[in-house]
């Protein structure tokens, strides 16, 4: 499907404590601001997002148009095309991006076990 970069977005209670913990596991900050309560951290190809107070549960995240280093890839599949393909396949969405727009946007769905999946396009 070409869903873009994959990461796990973690809902954390204390972003500074989480940053220190994941640094001990070999992760380093890739982008974000702890003062703004979010950090993206990387270890090899593994990417995690730490988010304090932004949502109440962990989310699997796909970023169409980005690689695992948050660098733009071309060409890429626009998330509106991915959204329409999923809907045509019978997948119900929690939220949708307007199909008459371009550029950044997002949509969300649940897997059969209730895990949240976010498609979040930044370009």
C-alpha atoms as a PDB file:
ATOM      1  CA  UNK A   1       0.000   0.000   0.000  1.00  0.00           C
ATOM      2  CA  UNK A   2       2.944   2.395   0.532  1.00  0.00           C
ATOM      3  CA  UNK A   3       1.765   3.814   3.861  1.00  0.00           C
ATOM      4  CA  UNK A   4       4.929   5.815   4.592  1.00  0.00           C
ATOM      5  CA  UNK A   5       7.129   5.894   7.672  1.00  0.00           C
ATOM      6  CA  UNK A   6       5.910   3.864  10.651  1.00  0.00           C
ATOM      7  CA  UNK A   7       6.217   4.760  14.316  1.00  0.00           C
ATOM      8  CA  UNK A   8       4.555   4.140  17.629  1.00  0.00           C
ATOM      9  CA  UNK A   9       3.146   7.245  19.317  1.00  0.00           C
ATOM     10  CA  UNK A  10       3.305   6.752  23.085  1.00  0.00           C
ATOM     11  CA  UNK A  11       1.071   8.617  25.529  1.00  0.00           C
ATOM     12  CA  UNK A  12       3.544   9.320  28.360  1.00  0.00           C
ATOM     13  CA  UNK A  13       3.036  10.749  31.852  1.00  0.00           C
ATOM     14  CA  UNK A  14       6.432  12.476  32.164  1.00  0.00           C
ATOM     15  CA  UNK A  15       8.181  13.275  28.892  1.00  0.00           C
ATOM     16  CA  UNK A  16      11.544  13.973  30.535  1.00  0.00           C
ATOM     17  CA  UNK A  17      11.549  10.648  32.400  1.00  0.00           C
ATOM     18  CA  UNK A  18      10.473   8.840  29.224  1.00  0.00           C
ATOM     19  CA  UNK A  19      13.216  10.565  27.202  1.00  0.00           C
ATOM     20  CA  UNK A  20      15.885   9.456  29.691  1.00  0.00           C
ATOM     21  CA  UNK A  21      14.489   5.903  29.722  1.00  0.00           C
ATOM     22  CA  UNK A  22      14.452   5.545  25.925  1.00  0.00           C
ATOM     23  CA  UNK A  23      17.920   7.092  25.639  1.00  0.00           C
ATOM     24  CA  UNK A  24      19.138   4.227  27.862  1.00  0.00           C
ATOM     25  CA  UNK A  25      17.604   1.857  25.289  1.00  0.00           C
ATOM     26  CA  UNK A  26      19.657   3.509  22.539  1.00  0.00           C
ATOM     27  CA  UNK A  27      17.133   6.036  21.199  1.00  0.00           C
ATOM     28  CA  UNK A  28      18.092   9.635  20.457  1.00  0.00           C
ATOM     29  CA  UNK A  29      15.926  12.674  19.764  1.00  0.00           C
ATOM     30  CA  UNK A  30      15.194  13.194  16.062  1.00  0.00           C
ATOM     31  CA  UNK A  31      12.779  16.131  16.319  1.00  0.00           C
ATOM     32  CA  UNK A  32      10.352  17.821  18.649  1.00  0.00           C
ATOM     33  CA  UNK A  33      10.522  19.860  21.834  1.00  0.00           C
ATOM     34  CA  UNK A  34      10.224  18.427  25.345  1.00  0.00           C
ATOM     35  CA  UNK A  35       9.043  21.900  26.443  1.00  0.00           C
ATOM     36  CA  UNK A  36       6.096  21.473  24.045  1.00  0.00           C
ATOM     37  CA  UNK A  37       5.474  17.953  25.443  1.00  0.00           C
ATOM     38  CA  UNK A  38       6.457  15.997  22.326  1.00  0.00           C
ATOM     39  CA  UNK A  39       9.593  14.291  21.021  1.00  0.00           C
ATOM     40  CA  UNK A  40      10.290  11.931  18.141  1.00  0.00           C
ATOM     41  CA  UNK A  41      13.090   9.489  18.981  1.00  0.00           C
ATOM     42  CA  UNK A  42      14.973   7.023  16.790  1.00  0.00           C
ATOM     43  CA  UNK A  43      17.114   3.918  17.244  1.00  0.00           C
ATOM     44  CA  UNK A  44      18.173   2.425  13.901  1.00  0.00           C
ATOM     45  CA  UNK A  45      14.965   2.143  11.882  1.00  0.00           C
ATOM     46  CA  UNK A  46      12.768   2.112  15.007  1.00  0.00           C
ATOM     47  CA  UNK A  47      10.895   5.383  15.586  1.00  0.00           C
ATOM     48  CA  UNK A  48       8.806   6.300  18.615  1.00  0.00           C
ATOM     49  CA  UNK A  49       6.964   9.482  19.451  1.00  0.00           C
ATOM     50  CA  UNK A  50       6.637  10.601  23.061  1.00  0.00           C
ATOM     51  CA  UNK A  51       3.540  12.734  23.685  1.00  0.00           C
ATOM     52  CA  UNK A  52       2.604  14.067  27.114  1.00  0.00           C
ATOM     53  CA  UNK A  53      -1.000  15.185  27.586  1.00  0.00           C
ATOM     54  CA  UNK A  54      -1.918  15.033  23.892  1.00  0.00           C
ATOM     55  CA  UNK A  55      -3.895  11.779  23.828  1.00  0.00           C
ATOM     56  CA  UNK A  56      -4.848   9.065  26.286  1.00  0.00           C
ATOM     57  CA  UNK A  57      -3.591   5.913  24.580  1.00  0.00           C
ATOM     58  CA  UNK A  58      -0.793   4.662  22.377  1.00  0.00           C
ATOM     59  CA  UNK A  59      -1.260   4.947  18.620  1.00  0.00           C
ATOM     60  CA  UNK A  60       0.380   3.267  15.629  1.00  0.00           C
ATOM     61  CA  UNK A  61       1.266   6.051  13.193  1.00  0.00           C
ATOM     62  CA  UNK A  62       1.965   6.048   9.442  1.00  0.00           C
ATOM     63  CA  UNK A  63       3.350   9.168   7.746  1.00  0.00           C
ATOM     64  CA  UNK A  64       2.769   9.095   3.968  1.00  0.00           C
ATOM     65  CA  UNK A  65       5.459  11.064   2.130  1.00  0.00           C
ATOM     66  CA  UNK A  66       8.169  10.484   4.755  1.00  0.00           C
ATOM     67  CA  UNK A  67      10.865   7.876   5.242  1.00  0.00           C
ATOM     68  CA  UNK A  68      12.010   6.591   8.653  1.00  0.00           C
ATOM     69  CA  UNK A  69      14.254   9.685   9.012  1.00  0.00           C
ATOM     70  CA  UNK A  70      11.299  12.082   8.482  1.00  0.00           C
ATOM     71  CA  UNK A  71      12.715  13.033   5.094  1.00  0.00           C
ATOM     72  CA  UNK A  72      10.436  13.533   2.111  1.00  0.00           C
ATOM     73  CA  UNK A  73      10.136  10.705  -0.417  1.00  0.00           C
ATOM     74  CA  UNK A  74       8.951  11.118  -3.992  1.00  0.00           C
ATOM     75  CA  UNK A  75       6.748   9.933  -5.370  1.00  0.00           C
ATOM     76  CA  UNK A  76       4.413   9.013  -2.516  1.00  0.00           C
ATOM     77  CA  UNK A  77       0.774   8.011  -2.138  1.00  0.00           C
ATOM     78  CA  UNK A  78      -1.393  10.797  -0.810  1.00  0.00           C
ATOM     79  CA  UNK A  79      -3.316   9.809   2.297  1.00  0.00           C
ATOM     80  CA  UNK A  80      -6.592  10.648   0.561  1.00  0.00           C
ATOM     81  CA  UNK A  81      -5.904   7.817  -1.901  1.00  0.00           C
ATOM     82  CA  UNK A  82      -5.031   5.485   0.987  1.00  0.00           C
ATOM     83  CA  UNK A  83      -8.208   6.524   2.818  1.00  0.00           C
ATOM     84  CA  UNK A  84     -10.396   5.795  -0.217  1.00  0.00           C
ATOM     85  CA  UNK A  85      -8.710   2.414  -0.774  1.00  0.00           C
ATOM     86  CA  UNK A  86      -9.330   1.405   2.847  1.00  0.00           C
ATOM     87  CA  UNK A  87     -12.969   2.525   2.708  1.00  0.00           C
ATOM     88  CA  UNK A  88     -13.482   0.630  -0.562  1.00  0.00           C
ATOM     89  CA  UNK A  89     -12.088  -2.442   1.217  1.00  0.00           C
ATOM     90  CA  UNK A  90     -14.733  -2.163   3.934  1.00  0.00           C
ATOM     91  CA  UNK A  91     -12.598  -0.504   6.642  1.00  0.00           C
ATOM     92  CA  UNK A  92     -14.547   1.872   8.892  1.00  0.00           C
ATOM     93  CA  UNK A  93     -12.776   5.094   9.849  1.00  0.00           C
ATOM     94  CA  UNK A  94     -12.992   7.013  13.134  1.00  0.00           C
ATOM     95  CA  UNK A  95     -12.110  10.253  11.385  1.00  0.00           C
ATOM     96  CA  UNK A  96     -11.496  11.234   7.777  1.00  0.00           C
ATOM     97  CA  UNK A  97      -9.598  13.842   5.823  1.00  0.00           C
ATOM     98  CA  UNK A  98     -11.687  15.864   3.373  1.00  0.00           C
ATOM     99  CA  UNK A  99     -11.178  14.453  -0.108  1.00  0.00           C
ATOM    100  CA  UNK A 100     -11.434  17.899  -1.736  1.00  0.00           C
ATOM    101  CA  UNK A 101      -8.260  19.126   0.021  1.00  0.00           C
ATOM    102  CA  UNK A 102      -4.535  18.774  -0.673  1.00  0.00           C
ATOM    103  CA  UNK A 103      -1.415  18.667   1.460  1.00  0.00           C
ATOM    104  CA  UNK A 104      -1.299  17.927   5.188  1.00  0.00           C
ATOM    105  CA  UNK A 105      -4.104  15.965   6.779  1.00  0.00           C
ATOM    106  CA  UNK A 106      -4.912  12.883   8.795  1.00  0.00           C
ATOM    107  CA  UNK A 107      -7.417  10.117   9.359  1.00  0.00           C
ATOM    108  CA  UNK A 108      -7.800   7.469  12.053  1.00  0.00           C
ATOM    109  CA  UNK A 109      -9.122   3.925  12.355  1.00  0.00           C
ATOM    110  CA  UNK A 110      -9.173   1.028  14.808  1.00  0.00           C
ATOM    111  CA  UNK A 111      -7.816  -2.466  14.252  1.00  0.00           C
ATOM    112  CA  UNK A 112      -9.991  -5.449  15.279  1.00  0.00           C
ATOM    113  CA  UNK A 113      -8.603  -5.263  18.847  1.00  0.00           C
ATOM    114  CA  UNK A 114      -9.337  -1.563  19.315  1.00  0.00           C
ATOM    115  CA  UNK A 115      -5.790  -0.316  18.709  1.00  0.00           C
ATOM    116  CA  UNK A 116      -5.749   3.146  17.171  1.00  0.00           C
ATOM    117  CA  UNK A 117      -4.004   3.687  13.833  1.00  0.00           C
ATOM    118  CA  UNK A 118      -3.279   7.221  12.627  1.00  0.00           C
ATOM    119  CA  UNK A 119      -2.366   8.160   9.062  1.00  0.00           C
ATOM    120  CA  UNK A 120      -0.765  11.599   9.423  1.00  0.00           C
ATOM    121  CA  UNK A 121       0.564  13.356   6.326  1.00  0.00           C
ATOM    122  CA  UNK A 122       2.701  16.460   6.877  1.00  0.00           C
ATOM    123  CA  UNK A 123       3.117  17.649   3.282  1.00  0.00           C
END
